[in-house]
Amino acid sequence: MTFARRKWAQPGKFVWVAPRETVTAPTGKEYPLCTTVYFKDADDLVKPYAPSMDGMTEADDWYVGVSGQLPE
């Protein structure tokens, strides 16, 4: 499921929670990765999401979907 904010003016932005996974270190040992929230920007670049304090605690404009495609 993807989430976006109404204040994101560029279409195509969204965030989602990736499920927990494991990663293999150069030593061959596997380690668990924590659950990560990712952000897909309007340029199709995906990166871990590090929201501002406003985005996490005070924003009231989140909705399920993708920016530029407001739900009806």
PDB file of N, CA and C in Angstrom:
ATOM      1  N   MET A   1       0.841  -1.166   0.000  1.00  0.00           N
ATOM      2  CA  MET A   1       0.000   0.000   0.000  1.00  0.00           C
ATOM      3  C   MET A   1       0.895   1.239   0.000  1.00  0.00           C
ATOM      4  N   THR A   2       0.544   2.231  -0.788  1.00  0.00           N
ATOM      5  CA  THR A   2       1.329   3.448  -0.872  1.00  0.00           C
ATOM      6  C   THR A   2       0.583   4.608  -0.207  1.00  0.00           C
ATOM      7  N   PHE A   3       1.374   5.583   0.275  1.00  0.00           N
ATOM      8  CA  PHE A   3       0.830   6.756   0.940  1.00  0.00           C
ATOM      9  C   PHE A   3       1.491   7.997   0.365  1.00  0.00           C
ATOM     10  N   ALA A   4       0.744   9.084   0.302  1.00  0.00           N
ATOM     11  CA  ALA A   4       1.264  10.347  -0.209  1.00  0.00           C
ATOM     12  C   ALA A   4       0.703  11.495   0.627  1.00  0.00           C
ATOM     13  N   ARG A   5       1.241  12.675   0.396  1.00  0.00           N
ATOM     14  CA  ARG A   5       0.743  13.873   1.075  1.00  0.00           C
ATOM     15  C   ARG A   5       0.160  14.826   0.048  1.00  0.00           C
ATOM     16  N   ARG A   6      -0.904  15.492   0.425  1.00  0.00           N
ATOM     17  CA  ARG A   6      -1.530  16.465  -0.473  1.00  0.00           C
ATOM     18  C   ARG A   6      -0.568  17.601  -0.821  1.00  0.00           C
ATOM     19  N   LYS A   7       0.350  17.947   0.070  1.00  0.00           N
ATOM     20  CA  LYS A   7       1.270  19.061  -0.183  1.00  0.00           C
ATOM     21  C   LYS A   7       2.354  18.723  -1.205  1.00  0.00           C
ATOM     22  N   TRP A   8       2.512  17.437  -1.549  1.00  0.00           N
ATOM     23  CA  TRP A   8       3.496  17.079  -2.569  1.00  0.00           C
ATOM     24  C   TRP A   8       2.939  17.482  -3.929  1.00  0.00           C
ATOM     25  N   ALA A   9       3.478  18.549  -4.497  1.00  0.00           N
ATOM     26  CA  ALA A   9       2.938  19.118  -5.734  1.00  0.00           C
ATOM     27  C   ALA A   9       3.270  18.280  -6.969  1.00  0.00           C
ATOM     28  N   GLN A  10       4.450  17.657  -6.998  1.00  0.00           N
ATOM     29  CA  GLN A  10       4.815  16.859  -8.172  1.00  0.00           C
ATOM     30  C   GLN A  10       4.072  15.529  -8.154  1.00  0.00           C
ATOM     31  N   PRO A  11       3.517  15.126  -9.273  1.00  0.00           N
ATOM     32  CA  PRO A  11       2.837  13.826  -9.321  1.00  0.00           C
ATOM     33  C   PRO A  11       3.828  12.664  -9.297  1.00  0.00           C
ATOM     34  N   GLY A  12       3.399  11.542  -8.770  1.00  0.00           N
ATOM     35  CA  GLY A  12       4.185  10.313  -8.809  1.00  0.00           C
ATOM     36  C   GLY A  12       4.986   9.999  -7.572  1.00  0.00           C
ATOM     37  N   LYS A  13       4.859  10.807  -6.518  1.00  0.00           N
ATOM     38  CA  LYS A  13       5.594  10.540  -5.279  1.00  0.00           C
ATOM     39  C   LYS A  13       4.752   9.671  -4.346  1.00  0.00           C
ATOM     40  N   PHE A  14       5.408   8.769  -3.620  1.00  0.00           N
ATOM     41  CA  PHE A  14       4.712   7.992  -2.598  1.00  0.00           C
ATOM     42  C   PHE A  14       5.713   7.332  -1.669  1.00  0.00           C
ATOM     43  N   VAL A  15       5.233   6.876  -0.525  1.00  0.00           N
ATOM     44  CA  VAL A  15       6.031   6.112   0.425  1.00  0.00           C
ATOM     45  C   VAL A  15       5.339   4.781   0.668  1.00  0.00           C
ATOM     46  N   TRP A  16       6.119   3.783   1.111  1.00  0.00           N
ATOM     47  CA  TRP A  16       5.549   2.499   1.505  1.00  0.00           C
ATOM     48  C   TRP A  16       6.464   1.834   2.517  1.00  0.00           C
ATOM     49  N   VAL A  17       5.915   0.906   3.258  1.00  0.00           N
ATOM     50  CA  VAL A  17       6.676   0.160   4.252  1.00  0.00           C
ATOM     51  C   VAL A  17       7.110  -1.158   3.617  1.00  0.00           C
ATOM     52  N   ALA A  18       8.417  -1.371   3.535  1.00  0.00           N
ATOM     53  CA  ALA A  18       8.946  -2.616   2.968  1.00  0.00           C
ATOM     54  C   ALA A  18       8.968  -3.685   4.058  1.00  0.00           C
ATOM     55  N   PRO A  19       8.645  -4.914   3.725  1.00  0.00           N
ATOM     56  CA  PRO A  19       8.681  -5.978   4.729  1.00  0.00           C
ATOM     57  C   PRO A  19      10.109  -6.261   5.198  1.00  0.00           C
ATOM     58  N   ARG A  20      10.209  -6.854   6.355  1.00  0.00           N
ATOM     59  CA  ARG A  20      11.513  -7.197   6.913  1.00  0.00           C
ATOM     60  C   ARG A  20      12.206  -8.235   6.019  1.00  0.00           C
ATOM     61  N   GLU A  21      13.502  -8.080   5.842  1.00  0.00           N
ATOM     62  CA  GLU A  21      14.297  -8.976   5.004  1.00  0.00           C
ATOM     63  C   GLU A  21      15.598  -9.324   5.723  1.00  0.00           C
ATOM     64  N   THR A  22      16.416 -10.115   5.047  1.00  0.00           N
ATOM     65  CA  THR A  22      17.764 -10.386   5.556  1.00  0.00           C
ATOM     66  C   THR A  22      18.769  -9.935   4.505  1.00  0.00           C
ATOM     67  N   VAL A  23      19.980  -9.661   4.957  1.00  0.00           N
ATOM     68  CA  VAL A  23      21.061  -9.255   4.075  1.00  0.00           C
ATOM     69  C   VAL A  23      22.259 -10.155   4.378  1.00  0.00           C
ATOM     70  N   THR A  24      23.001 -10.506   3.344  1.00  0.00           N
ATOM     71  CA  THR A  24      24.194 -11.328   3.522  1.00  0.00           C
ATOM     72  C   THR A  24      25.424 -10.428   3.536  1.00  0.00           C
ATOM     73  N   ALA A  25      26.178 -10.503   4.614  1.00  0.00           N
ATOM     74  CA  ALA A  25      27.405  -9.709   4.764  1.00  0.00           C
ATOM     75  C   ALA A  25      28.523 -10.324   3.933  1.00  0.00           C
ATOM     76  N   PRO A  26      29.604  -9.588   3.698  1.00  0.00           N
ATOM     77  CA  PRO A  26      30.750 -10.139   2.958  1.00  0.00           C
ATOM     78  C   PRO A  26      31.321 -11.410   3.606  1.00  0.00           C
ATOM     79  N   THR A  27      31.070 -11.605   4.888  1.00  0.00           N
ATOM     80  CA  THR A  27      31.549 -12.801   5.578  1.00  0.00           C
ATOM     81  C   THR A  27      30.698 -14.026   5.278  1.00  0.00           C
ATOM     82  N   GLY A  28      29.559 -13.802   4.607  1.00  0.00           N
ATOM     83  CA  GLY A  28      28.643 -14.901   4.309  1.00  0.00           C
ATOM     84  C   GLY A  28      27.540 -15.047   5.340  1.00  0.00           C
ATOM     85  N   LYS A  29      27.653 -14.369   6.470  1.00  0.00           N
ATOM     86  CA  LYS A  29      26.632 -14.454   7.512  1.00  0.00           C
ATOM     87  C   LYS A  29      25.444 -13.563   7.152  1.00  0.00           C
ATOM     88  N   GLU A  30      24.239 -14.069   7.463  1.00  0.00           N
ATOM     89  CA  GLU A  30      23.025 -13.294   7.207  1.00  0.00           C
ATOM     90  C   GLU A  30      22.602 -12.537   8.449  1.00  0.00           C
ATOM     91  N   TYR A  31      22.103 -11.314   8.233  1.00  0.00           N
ATOM     92  CA  TYR A  31      21.618 -10.466   9.313  1.00  0.00           C
ATOM     93  C   TYR A  31      20.233  -9.946   8.956  1.00  0.00           C
ATOM     94  N   PRO A  32      19.361  -9.798   9.952  1.00  0.00           N
ATOM     95  CA  PRO A  32      18.040  -9.235   9.659  1.00  0.00           C
ATOM     96  C   PRO A  32      18.128  -7.722   9.434  1.00  0.00           C
ATOM     97  N   LEU A  33      17.396  -7.250   8.457  1.00  0.00           N
ATOM     98  CA  LEU A  33      17.251  -5.810   8.241  1.00  0.00           C
ATOM     99  C   LEU A  33      15.983  -5.360   8.954  1.00  0.00           C
ATOM    100  N   CYS A  34      15.990  -4.171   9.474  1.00  0.00           N
ATOM    101  CA  CYS A  34      14.775  -3.664  10.100  1.00  0.00           C
ATOM    102  C   CYS A  34      13.770  -3.289   9.010  1.00  0.00           C
ATOM    103  N   THR A  35      12.524  -3.201   9.387  1.00  0.00           N
ATOM    104  CA  THR A  35      11.503  -2.736   8.460  1.00  0.00           C
ATOM    105  C   THR A  35      11.860  -1.312   8.055  1.00  0.00           C
ATOM    106  N   THR A  36      11.733  -1.007   6.787  1.00  0.00           N
ATOM    107  CA  THR A  36      12.137   0.288   6.273  1.00  0.00           C
ATOM    108  C   THR A  36      10.989   0.945   5.528  1.00  0.00           C
ATOM    109  N   VAL A  37      10.862   2.254   5.691  1.00  0.00           N
ATOM    110  CA  VAL A  37       9.902   3.029   4.910  1.00  0.00           C
ATOM    111  C   VAL A  37      10.682   3.638   3.752  1.00  0.00           C
ATOM    112  N   TYR A  38      10.210   3.415   2.532  1.00  0.00           N
ATOM    113  CA  TYR A  38      10.871   3.936   1.338  1.00  0.00           C
ATOM    114  C   TYR A  38      10.046   5.043   0.706  1.00  0.00           C
ATOM    115  N   PHE A  39      10.742   5.936  -0.003  1.00  0.00           N
ATOM    116  CA  PHE A  39      10.130   7.060  -0.701  1.00  0.00           C
ATOM    117  C   PHE A  39      10.486   6.971  -2.176  1.00  0.00           C
ATOM    118  N   LYS A  40       9.476   7.007  -3.054  1.00  0.00           N
ATOM    119  CA  LYS A  40       9.693   7.040  -4.503  1.00  0.00           C
ATOM    120  C   LYS A  40       9.400   8.459  -4.948  1.00  0.00           C
ATOM    121  N   ASP A  41      10.420   9.165  -5.455  1.00  0.00           N
ATOM    122  CA  ASP A  41      10.195  10.551  -5.842  1.00  0.00           C
ATOM    123  C   ASP A  41       9.711  10.666  -7.279  1.00  0.00           C
ATOM    124  N   ALA A  42       9.460  11.876  -7.707  1.00  0.00           N
ATOM    125  CA  ALA A  42       8.915  12.113  -9.052  1.00  0.00           C
ATOM    126  C   ALA A  42       9.898  11.743 -10.163  1.00  0.00           C
ATOM    127  N   ASP A  43      11.189  11.612  -9.830  1.00  0.00           N
ATOM    128  CA  ASP A  43      12.207  11.226 -10.811  1.00  0.00           C
ATOM    129  C   ASP A  43      12.469   9.728 -10.817  1.00  0.00           C
ATOM    130  N   ASP A  44      11.590   8.957 -10.153  1.00  0.00           N
ATOM    131  CA  ASP A  44      11.682   7.496 -10.076  1.00  0.00           C
ATOM    132  C   ASP A  44      12.895   7.010  -9.286  1.00  0.00           C
ATOM    133  N   LEU A  45      13.410   7.818  -8.386  1.00  0.00           N
ATOM    134  CA  LEU A  45      14.486   7.408  -7.495  1.00  0.00           C
ATOM    135  C   LEU A  45      13.856   6.920  -6.185  1.00  0.00           C
ATOM    136  N   VAL A  46      14.285   5.757  -5.709  1.00  0.00           N
ATOM    137  CA  VAL A  46      13.758   5.201  -4.456  1.00  0.00           C
ATOM    138  C   VAL A  46      14.848   5.268  -3.404  1.00  0.00           C
ATOM    139  N   LYS A  47      14.489   5.745  -2.224  1.00  0.00           N
ATOM    140  CA  LYS A  47      15.446   5.863  -1.123  1.00  0.00           C
ATOM    141  C   LYS A  47      14.724   5.673   0.198  1.00  0.00           C
ATOM    142  N   PRO A  48      15.460   5.339   1.250  1.00  0.00           N
ATOM    143  CA  PRO A  48      14.810   5.266   2.565  1.00  0.00           C
ATOM    144  C   PRO A  48      14.192   6.625   2.888  1.00  0.00           C
ATOM    145  N   TYR A  49      13.028   6.614   3.488  1.00  0.00           N
ATOM    146  CA  TYR A  49      12.306   7.850   3.801  1.00  0.00           C
ATOM    147  C   TYR A  49      12.706   8.354   5.171  1.00  0.00           C
ATOM    148  N   ALA A  50      13.204   9.567   5.213  1.00  0.00           N
ATOM    149  CA  ALA A  50      13.560  10.227   6.467  1.00  0.00           C
ATOM    150  C   ALA A  50      12.727  11.503   6.555  1.00  0.00           C
ATOM    151  N   PRO A  51      11.496  11.387   7.026  1.00  0.00           N
ATOM    152  CA  PRO A  51      10.600  12.547   7.029  1.00  0.00           C
ATOM    153  C   PRO A  51      11.020  13.605   8.046  1.00  0.00           C
ATOM    154  N   SER A  52      10.562  14.799   7.805  1.00  0.00           N
ATOM    155  CA  SER A  52      10.771  15.874   8.769  1.00  0.00           C
ATOM    156  C   SER A  52       9.872  15.605   9.981  1.00  0.00           C
ATOM    157  N   MET A  53      10.114  16.312  11.043  1.00  0.00           N
ATOM    158  CA  MET A  53       9.264  16.171  12.229  1.00  0.00           C
ATOM    159  C   MET A  53       7.825  16.521  11.883  1.00  0.00           C
ATOM    160  N   ASP A  54       7.632  17.543  11.061  1.00  0.00           N
ATOM    161  CA  ASP A  54       6.283  17.921  10.623  1.00  0.00           C
ATOM    162  C   ASP A  54       5.608  16.766   9.893  1.00  0.00           C
ATOM    163  N   GLY A  55       6.357  16.096   9.027  1.00  0.00           N
ATOM    164  CA  GLY A  55       5.785  15.012   8.243  1.00  0.00           C
ATOM    165  C   GLY A  55       5.325  13.835   9.084  1.00  0.00           C
ATOM    166  N   MET A  56       5.969  13.616  10.201  1.00  0.00           N
ATOM    167  CA  MET A  56       5.622  12.462  11.038  1.00  0.00           C
ATOM    168  C   MET A  56       4.650  12.792  12.158  1.00  0.00           C
ATOM    169  N   THR A  57       4.743  13.972  12.725  1.00  0.00           N
ATOM    170  CA  THR A  57       3.951  14.240  13.929  1.00  0.00           C
ATOM    171  C   THR A  57       2.822  15.241  13.755  1.00  0.00           C
ATOM    172  N   GLU A  58       2.939  16.138  12.775  1.00  0.00           N
ATOM    173  CA  GLU A  58       1.946  17.198  12.673  1.00  0.00           C
ATOM    174  C   GLU A  58       1.160  17.197  11.363  1.00  0.00           C
ATOM    175  N   ALA A  59       1.620  16.464  10.372  1.00  0.00           N
ATOM    176  CA  ALA A  59       0.948  16.480   9.071  1.00  0.00           C
ATOM    177  C   ALA A  59      -0.412  15.801   9.164  1.00  0.00           C
ATOM    178  N   ASP A  60      -1.395  16.451   8.582  1.00  0.00           N
ATOM    179  CA  ASP A  60      -2.740  15.862   8.557  1.00  0.00           C
ATOM    180  C   ASP A  60      -3.248  15.716   7.126  1.00  0.00           C
ATOM    181  N   ASP A  61      -2.304  15.729   6.180  1.00  0.00           N
ATOM    182  CA  ASP A  61      -2.688  15.643   4.772  1.00  0.00           C
ATOM    183  C   ASP A  61      -2.260  14.339   4.102  1.00  0.00           C
ATOM    184  N   TRP A  62      -1.952  13.309   4.877  1.00  0.00           N
ATOM    185  CA  TRP A  62      -1.595  12.001   4.314  1.00  0.00           C
ATOM    186  C   TRP A  62      -2.850  11.324   3.757  1.00  0.00           C
ATOM    187  N   TYR A  63      -2.692  10.573   2.692  1.00  0.00           N
ATOM    188  CA  TYR A  63      -3.789   9.764   2.147  1.00  0.00           C
ATOM    189  C   TYR A  63      -3.198   8.512   1.506  1.00  0.00           C
ATOM    190  N   VAL A  64      -4.008   7.509   1.330  1.00  0.00           N
ATOM    191  CA  VAL A  64      -3.588   6.285   0.662  1.00  0.00           C
ATOM    192  C   VAL A  64      -3.601   6.563  -0.829  1.00  0.00           C
ATOM    193  N   GLY A  65      -2.450   6.379  -1.481  1.00  0.00           N
ATOM    194  CA  GLY A  65      -2.368   6.619  -2.908  1.00  0.00           C
ATOM    195  C   GLY A  65      -1.021   7.176  -3.324  1.00  0.00           C
ATOM    196  N   VAL A  66      -1.023   7.900  -4.443  1.00  0.00           N
ATOM    197  CA  VAL A  66       0.168   8.452  -5.066  1.00  0.00           C
ATOM    198  C   VAL A  66      -0.078   9.940  -5.298  1.00  0.00           C
ATOM    199  N   SER A  67       0.952  10.785  -5.107  1.00  0.00           N
ATOM    200  CA  SER A  67       0.755  12.216  -5.306  1.00  0.00           C
ATOM    201  C   SER A  67       0.294  12.495  -6.733  1.00  0.00           C
ATOM    202  N   GLY A  68      -0.565  13.476  -6.849  1.00  0.00           N
ATOM    203  CA  GLY A  68      -1.140  13.827  -8.153  1.00  0.00           C
ATOM    204  C   GLY A  68      -2.330  12.967  -8.515  1.00  0.00           C
ATOM    205  N   GLN A  69      -2.668  12.006  -7.670  1.00  0.00           N
ATOM    206  CA  GLN A  69      -3.827  11.132  -7.915  1.00  0.00           C
ATOM    207  C   GLN A  69      -4.660  11.059  -6.630  1.00  0.00           C
ATOM    208  N   LEU A  70      -5.284  12.177  -6.277  1.00  0.00           N
ATOM    209  CA  LEU A  70      -6.053  12.229  -5.040  1.00  0.00           C
ATOM    210  C   LEU A  70      -7.239  11.272  -5.093  1.00  0.00           C
ATOM    211  N   PRO A  71      -7.515  10.632  -3.962  1.00  0.00           N
ATOM    212  CA  PRO A  71      -8.682   9.734  -3.925  1.00  0.00           C
ATOM    213  C   PRO A  71      -9.960  10.542  -4.023  1.00  0.00           C
ATOM    214  N   GLU A  72     -10.987   9.940  -4.551  1.00  0.00           N
ATOM    215  CA  GLU A  72     -12.276  10.650  -4.710  1.00  0.00           C
ATOM    216  C   GLU A  72     -13.156  10.420  -3.514  1.00  0.00           C
TER     217      GLU A  72
END
